[in-house]
Amino acid sequence: MHSSGKTAAARHQAARQKGVVLFLHKIATDGIAVIVHPSVTEGLEGSLNLTIEEIGKIFAGVYSKWSEVREGLPDKEIMVFVREHGSGTRGTFEEFCMEPFGFEVKTGALEAPSNPAMRLSVEQTPYSIGYIGLGFVSGNVEVVHVAKEKGQPFYAPTYENIRRGVYPLSRYLYMVTNGIPESGSLIDRFIDFVKSPEGQKLVEQCGFIAVYPKG
């Protein structure tokens, strides 16, 4: 589970109404990488650099062609891929790139049912854009370097940048319990294991970033 913004507040409120008190246990950090088909950056010197608001405008349909986004980009229609409704990755992406500006995903955006499916869709579709969890970045796609706002530095979605806290599209991941687990209970011991050096090594093997010392 991730937790931030209005969505998290609504989630906690809905749980309280049912007599459940959500208690969050931070276990990892993850980043969302915005990816494009190589045709988008062909002929571009360096990386494709976009602010969070510019990314939001693309997914909202404010820009319909790449040439409207940046000089030197193709005069081609932007093909937008999003995750399905209910996806945690989609929820986090929209909290970062859409909701702060009052944007909604454009009508006609194509849905991908998973991170691997999203990567494959962008990889196979010229002039397309999408987003995936950092651990799924591979294959023939280009990653966008992101700035929080105009005038600020652009950062690539790398493990080091997320670990340093400078990449804007990053989030903590949590395990969630109904209240604080009883000390020594199975749940309590399992969460302690995940936070332990051995557990954090497993976190990184799954493509996420450890938040506790691994020894």
Foldseek 3Di string as FASTA:
>chain_A
DFADDPVNVVVQVVQVVVVFHKDWDFQFKWFKWKWAFVLFCVVPDDFAEDELQLVLCLQLVVDQASCVSDPPTDRDGEQEEEEDPPDPSRVLSCRQRPVVVVGDGYPPHHYAHAQLRQVVVRHPDHNYMYMHMQLSDDDRIGTYFYDNDPPGDTHTPDLVCVVVVNRRGMTTDTDIDRPDDDPPDPVNVVSVCCLELVNQVVVVVSVTGGPHDND
